[in-house]
Each structure stands twice: as structure tokens, then as C-alpha cells.
Amino acid sequence: MKYRHYYDPVALVEFKEAVEWYKYRSSVAAENFVKEVSELIYTICKDPSRFRNLYSDFRETSLKKYPNTICLLP
């Protein structure tokens, strides 16, 4: 089963701020950050149960090359 995703409004603001922060330093880093987040969200939507169970039904995973975490809420 494939799931859909949405950004929490606060998470969306944080995502946009992170993109701007990376873009200020390197446009390539910003593009790679967006790409990694997009790929990870696609993977999460395919099988969310494979990620670390943080608490109850809350799960989380980290980006590989960036110091960010994505939380999965039920």
C-alpha cells in the first residue's frame, strides 16, 4: 500500500528556511537537500513501517547527508 504525505505547516516553514540556508551557502547543496528530502519522502510513502518507532505510532528517520530528521505521524 502506498501512502500520501503532507507537510505540517511548521515543518514546511522549517523546510523552506533550511533550503534558503543551504542556498545562501551553495545552490548545489540546496538542490541536493531538496532532492534527498523528496527521495526520502517517496521511500517513506512506500513503506512507513520500516522506519524507527519513536513513540506509539510516531516514527522518524534521518537524512543521510544533512543533519535533519523527518517525523512520521499517524
N, C-alpha and C. Protein backbone atom coordinates (compact mmCIF):
# COMPACT_ATOMS: atom_id res chain seq x y z
N MET A 1 0.84 -1.18 0.00
CA MET A 1 0.00 0.00 0.00
C MET A 1 0.88 1.25 0.00
N LYS A 2 0.57 2.18 -0.84
CA LYS A 2 1.32 3.43 -0.91
C LYS A 2 0.54 4.52 -0.20
N TYR A 3 1.22 5.30 0.62
CA TYR A 3 0.59 6.35 1.40
C TYR A 3 0.83 7.71 0.76
N ARG A 4 0.00 8.67 1.14
CA ARG A 4 0.19 10.05 0.71
C ARG A 4 0.87 10.80 1.84
N HIS A 5 1.43 11.94 1.52
CA HIS A 5 2.08 12.73 2.55
C HIS A 5 1.58 14.17 2.51
N TYR A 6 1.79 14.86 3.60
CA TYR A 6 1.56 16.29 3.66
C TYR A 6 2.57 16.87 4.63
N TYR A 7 2.86 18.14 4.44
CA TYR A 7 3.78 18.84 5.33
C TYR A 7 2.97 19.53 6.42
N ASP A 8 3.37 19.33 7.65
CA ASP A 8 2.83 20.11 8.74
C ASP A 8 3.23 21.56 8.47
N PRO A 9 2.36 22.53 8.73
CA PRO A 9 2.71 23.93 8.44
C PRO A 9 4.03 24.39 9.08
N VAL A 10 4.29 23.96 10.30
CA VAL A 10 5.53 24.34 10.97
C VAL A 10 6.72 23.67 10.27
N ALA A 11 6.56 22.40 9.91
CA ALA A 11 7.62 21.68 9.21
C ALA A 11 7.91 22.30 7.85
N LEU A 12 6.87 22.76 7.17
CA LEU A 12 7.05 23.39 5.87
C LEU A 12 7.87 24.67 5.99
N VAL A 13 7.60 25.46 7.02
CA VAL A 13 8.39 26.67 7.27
C VAL A 13 9.85 26.30 7.54
N GLU A 14 10.07 25.28 8.37
CA GLU A 14 11.43 24.85 8.67
C GLU A 14 12.14 24.34 7.41
N PHE A 15 11.42 23.60 6.57
CA PHE A 15 11.98 23.10 5.33
C PHE A 15 12.41 24.25 4.43
N LYS A 16 11.53 25.22 4.26
CA LYS A 16 11.85 26.38 3.41
C LYS A 16 13.03 27.17 3.96
N GLU A 17 13.09 27.32 5.28
CA GLU A 17 14.22 28.03 5.89
C GLU A 17 15.52 27.26 5.67
N ALA A 18 15.46 25.94 5.77
CA ALA A 18 16.66 25.13 5.55
C ALA A 18 17.13 25.25 4.10
N VAL A 19 16.19 25.23 3.16
CA VAL A 19 16.55 25.37 1.75
C VAL A 19 17.22 26.72 1.52
N GLU A 20 16.68 27.78 2.09
CA GLU A 20 17.29 29.11 1.95
C GLU A 20 18.67 29.16 2.59
N TRP A 21 18.83 28.51 3.74
CA TRP A 21 20.12 28.49 4.41
C TRP A 21 21.16 27.80 3.54
N TYR A 22 20.81 26.64 2.97
CA TYR A 22 21.74 25.94 2.09
C TYR A 22 21.98 26.73 0.80
N LYS A 23 20.94 27.36 0.28
CA LYS A 23 21.08 28.12 -0.96
C LYS A 23 22.03 29.30 -0.78
N TYR A 24 22.01 29.93 0.40
CA TYR A 24 22.90 31.05 0.69
C TYR A 24 24.36 30.60 0.64
N ARG A 25 24.60 29.36 1.04
CA ARG A 25 25.95 28.82 1.06
C ARG A 25 26.37 28.15 -0.23
N SER A 26 25.39 27.45 -0.87
CA SER A 26 25.69 26.73 -2.10
C SER A 26 24.39 26.30 -2.77
N SER A 27 24.21 26.71 -4.01
CA SER A 27 23.00 26.31 -4.73
C SER A 27 22.97 24.80 -4.95
N VAL A 28 24.14 24.19 -5.11
CA VAL A 28 24.21 22.74 -5.29
C VAL A 28 23.77 22.03 -4.01
N ALA A 29 24.23 22.53 -2.86
CA ALA A 29 23.83 21.93 -1.58
C ALA A 29 22.32 22.05 -1.39
N ALA A 30 21.75 23.18 -1.75
CA ALA A 30 20.30 23.36 -1.63
C ALA A 30 19.55 22.38 -2.53
N GLU A 31 20.01 22.24 -3.76
CA GLU A 31 19.36 21.29 -4.68
C GLU A 31 19.47 19.87 -4.18
N ASN A 32 20.64 19.50 -3.67
CA ASN A 32 20.83 18.15 -3.15
C ASN A 32 19.98 17.90 -1.90
N PHE A 33 19.82 18.92 -1.07
CA PHE A 33 18.98 18.81 0.12
C PHE A 33 17.54 18.54 -0.29
N VAL A 34 17.01 19.32 -1.21
CA VAL A 34 15.64 19.14 -1.68
C VAL A 34 15.47 17.75 -2.30
N LYS A 35 16.45 17.33 -3.08
CA LYS A 35 16.38 16.02 -3.72
C LYS A 35 16.37 14.90 -2.67
N GLU A 36 17.24 14.99 -1.67
CA GLU A 36 17.30 13.95 -0.64
C GLU A 36 16.00 13.89 0.16
N VAL A 37 15.44 15.04 0.50
CA VAL A 37 14.17 15.06 1.23
C VAL A 37 13.06 14.44 0.38
N SER A 38 13.00 14.81 -0.89
CA SER A 38 11.97 14.27 -1.79
C SER A 38 12.09 12.76 -1.94
N GLU A 39 13.30 12.27 -2.10
CA GLU A 39 13.51 10.83 -2.25
C GLU A 39 13.14 10.08 -0.97
N LEU A 40 13.48 10.65 0.17
CA LEU A 40 13.16 10.01 1.43
C LEU A 40 11.65 9.99 1.67
N ILE A 41 10.97 11.06 1.33
CA ILE A 41 9.52 11.08 1.49
C ILE A 41 8.87 10.05 0.58
N TYR A 42 9.38 9.90 -0.63
CA TYR A 42 8.87 8.87 -1.54
C TYR A 42 9.05 7.48 -0.93
N THR A 43 10.22 7.23 -0.35
CA THR A 43 10.50 5.94 0.29
C THR A 43 9.59 5.72 1.49
N ILE A 44 9.39 6.75 2.27
CA ILE A 44 8.50 6.66 3.43
C ILE A 44 7.08 6.30 3.00
N CYS A 45 6.60 6.93 1.96
CA CYS A 45 5.24 6.67 1.50
C CYS A 45 5.06 5.24 0.99
N LYS A 46 6.13 4.64 0.51
CA LYS A 46 6.05 3.26 0.04
C LYS A 46 5.91 2.28 1.21
N ASP A 47 6.62 2.53 2.31
CA ASP A 47 6.60 1.60 3.44
C ASP A 47 6.98 2.31 4.73
N PRO A 48 6.04 3.03 5.35
CA PRO A 48 6.37 3.79 6.55
C PRO A 48 6.72 2.92 7.77
N SER A 49 6.27 1.70 7.78
CA SER A 49 6.51 0.85 8.95
C SER A 49 7.97 0.40 9.07
N ARG A 50 8.76 0.62 8.06
CA ARG A 50 10.17 0.19 8.12
C ARG A 50 11.06 1.16 8.89
N PHE A 51 10.51 2.29 9.29
CA PHE A 51 11.31 3.30 9.98
C PHE A 51 11.17 3.19 11.50
N ARG A 52 12.14 3.72 12.19
CA ARG A 52 12.24 3.62 13.65
C ARG A 52 10.96 4.11 14.33
N ASN A 53 10.47 3.28 15.25
CA ASN A 53 9.29 3.63 16.02
C ASN A 53 9.74 4.47 17.21
N LEU A 54 9.40 5.73 17.19
CA LEU A 54 9.84 6.66 18.22
C LEU A 54 8.98 6.55 19.47
N TYR A 55 7.67 6.60 19.28
CA TYR A 55 6.73 6.55 20.39
C TYR A 55 5.36 6.23 19.83
N SER A 56 4.71 5.24 20.38
CA SER A 56 3.38 4.84 19.93
C SER A 56 3.39 4.65 18.42
N ASP A 57 2.63 5.45 17.68
CA ASP A 57 2.59 5.35 16.22
C ASP A 57 3.50 6.36 15.53
N PHE A 58 4.27 7.10 16.29
CA PHE A 58 5.16 8.10 15.72
C PHE A 58 6.47 7.43 15.29
N ARG A 59 6.90 7.73 14.09
CA ARG A 59 8.15 7.17 13.58
C ARG A 59 9.04 8.32 13.10
N GLU A 60 10.32 8.02 12.96
CA GLU A 60 11.24 9.05 12.48
C GLU A 60 12.36 8.41 11.68
N THR A 61 12.98 9.23 10.86
CA THR A 61 14.17 8.83 10.12
C THR A 61 15.01 10.07 9.86
N SER A 62 16.27 9.86 9.64
CA SER A 62 17.19 10.98 9.41
C SER A 62 17.67 11.00 7.97
N LEU A 63 18.01 12.18 7.51
CA LEU A 63 18.62 12.31 6.20
C LEU A 63 20.05 11.78 6.29
N LYS A 64 20.57 11.30 5.20
CA LYS A 64 21.92 10.73 5.22
C LYS A 64 23.01 11.78 5.23
N LYS A 65 22.87 12.82 4.40
CA LYS A 65 23.95 13.79 4.25
C LYS A 65 23.69 15.12 4.96
N TYR A 66 22.52 15.25 5.57
CA TYR A 66 22.17 16.52 6.21
C TYR A 66 21.67 16.25 7.62
N PRO A 67 21.89 17.18 8.55
CA PRO A 67 21.52 16.95 9.95
C PRO A 67 20.05 17.26 10.23
N ASN A 68 19.17 16.59 9.51
CA ASN A 68 17.74 16.81 9.66
C ASN A 68 17.03 15.48 9.88
N THR A 69 15.87 15.55 10.54
CA THR A 69 15.07 14.38 10.81
C THR A 69 13.68 14.60 10.25
N ILE A 70 13.09 13.53 9.74
CA ILE A 70 11.70 13.58 9.28
C ILE A 70 10.88 12.72 10.23
N CYS A 71 9.81 13.28 10.77
CA CYS A 71 8.93 12.55 11.68
C CYS A 71 7.67 12.15 10.91
N LEU A 72 7.24 10.93 11.16
CA LEU A 72 6.06 10.39 10.52
C LEU A 72 4.96 10.32 11.56
N LEU A 73 3.89 10.98 11.32
CA LEU A 73 2.77 11.00 12.25
C LEU A 73 1.62 10.18 11.68
N PRO A 74 0.85 9.52 12.55
CA PRO A 74 -0.27 8.70 12.06
C PRO A 74 -1.37 9.53 11.45
